[in-house]
Each structure stands twice: as structure tokens, then as C-alpha cells.
Amino acid sequence: TKEIKVKIIPPQRDYGRP
């Protein structure tokens, strides 16, 4: 569940995408 939450919480800001 931690992996899914982390992916849902950071949409694109955490990834630093344009």
C-alpha cells in the first residue's frame, strides 16, 4: 500500500516533469 500511496500522492510535481 505504501508504493501505491506514494505514486498517487506525487502526480508530476515529485517527478519534476515539465
PDB file of N, CA and C in Angstrom:
ATOM      1  N   THR A   1       0.859  -1.209   0.000  1.00  0.00           N
ATOM      2  CA  THR A   1       0.000   0.000   0.000  1.00  0.00           C
ATOM      3  C   THR A   1       0.888   1.250   0.000  1.00  0.00           C
ATOM      4  N   LYS A   2       2.055   1.163   0.544  1.00  0.00           N
ATOM      5  CA  LYS A   2       2.918   2.371   0.564  1.00  0.00           C
ATOM      6  C   LYS A   2       3.317   2.759  -0.865  1.00  0.00           C
ATOM      7  N   GLU A   3       3.608   1.791  -1.669  1.00  0.00           N
ATOM      8  CA  GLU A   3       4.025   2.107  -3.057  1.00  0.00           C
ATOM      9  C   GLU A   3       2.889   2.803  -3.813  1.00  0.00           C
ATOM     10  N   ILE A   4       1.683   2.307  -3.633  1.00  0.00           N
ATOM     11  CA  ILE A   4       0.538   2.894  -4.366  1.00  0.00           C
ATOM     12  C   ILE A   4       0.287   4.324  -3.855  1.00  0.00           C
ATOM     13  N   LYS A   5       0.352   4.510  -2.559  1.00  0.00           N
ATOM     14  CA  LYS A   5       0.079   5.848  -1.992  1.00  0.00           C
ATOM     15  C   LYS A   5       1.123   6.845  -2.505  1.00  0.00           C
ATOM     16  N   VAL A   6       2.347   6.457  -2.500  1.00  0.00           N
ATOM     17  CA  VAL A   6       3.419   7.374  -2.943  1.00  0.00           C
ATOM     18  C   VAL A   6       3.195   7.751  -4.403  1.00  0.00           C
ATOM     19  N   LYS A   7       2.741   6.798  -5.209  1.00  0.00           N
ATOM     20  CA  LYS A   7       2.523   7.099  -6.643  1.00  0.00           C
ATOM     21  C   LYS A   7       1.304   8.019  -6.812  1.00  0.00           C
ATOM     22  N   ILE A   8       0.312   7.832  -5.983  1.00  0.00           N
ATOM     23  CA  ILE A   8      -0.911   8.651  -6.131  1.00  0.00           C
ATOM     24  C   ILE A   8      -0.675  10.058  -5.549  1.00  0.00           C
ATOM     25  N   ILE A   9       0.086  10.145  -4.484  1.00  0.00           N
ATOM     26  CA  ILE A   9       0.305  11.460  -3.847  1.00  0.00           C
ATOM     27  C   ILE A   9       1.106  12.375  -4.801  1.00  0.00           C
ATOM     28  N   PRO A  10       2.250  11.966  -5.267  1.00  0.00           N
ATOM     29  CA  PRO A  10       3.012  12.810  -6.181  1.00  0.00           C
ATOM     30  C   PRO A  10       2.629  12.563  -7.628  1.00  0.00           C
ATOM     31  N   PRO A  11       1.800  13.410  -8.214  1.00  0.00           N
ATOM     32  CA  PRO A  11       1.359  13.223  -9.600  1.00  0.00           C
ATOM     33  C   PRO A  11       2.498  13.511 -10.569  1.00  0.00           C
ATOM     34  N   GLN A  12       2.946  14.740 -10.654  1.00  0.00           N
ATOM     35  CA  GLN A  12       4.035  15.084 -11.582  1.00  0.00           C
ATOM     36  C   GLN A  12       5.008  16.041 -10.898  1.00  0.00           C
ATOM     37  N   ARG A  13       4.601  16.631  -9.814  1.00  0.00           N
ATOM     38  CA  ARG A  13       5.469  17.601  -9.126  1.00  0.00           C
ATOM     39  C   ARG A  13       6.693  16.854  -8.566  1.00  0.00           C
ATOM     40  N   ASP A  14       6.456  15.725  -7.917  1.00  0.00           N
ATOM     41  CA  ASP A  14       7.569  14.965  -7.322  1.00  0.00           C
ATOM     42  C   ASP A  14       8.513  14.468  -8.425  1.00  0.00           C
ATOM     43  N   TYR A  15       7.958  14.116  -9.554  1.00  0.00           N
ATOM     44  CA  TYR A  15       8.797  13.596 -10.646  1.00  0.00           C
ATOM     45  C   TYR A  15       9.627  14.725 -11.274  1.00  0.00           C
ATOM     46  N   GLY A  16       9.189  15.960 -11.120  1.00  0.00           N
ATOM     47  CA  GLY A  16       9.931  17.083 -11.716  1.00  0.00           C
ATOM     48  C   GLY A  16       9.787  17.081 -13.225  1.00  0.00           C
ATOM     49  N   ARG A  17       8.647  16.647 -13.716  1.00  0.00           N
ATOM     50  CA  ARG A  17       8.443  16.639 -15.194  1.00  0.00           C
ATOM     51  C   ARG A  17       8.001  18.030 -15.654  1.00  0.00           C
ATOM     52  N   PRO A  18       8.104  18.319 -16.907  1.00  0.00           N
ATOM     53  CA  PRO A  18       7.715  19.626 -17.438  1.00  0.00           C
ATOM     54  C   PRO A  18       6.194  19.770 -17.511  1.00  0.00           C
TER      55      PRO A  18
END
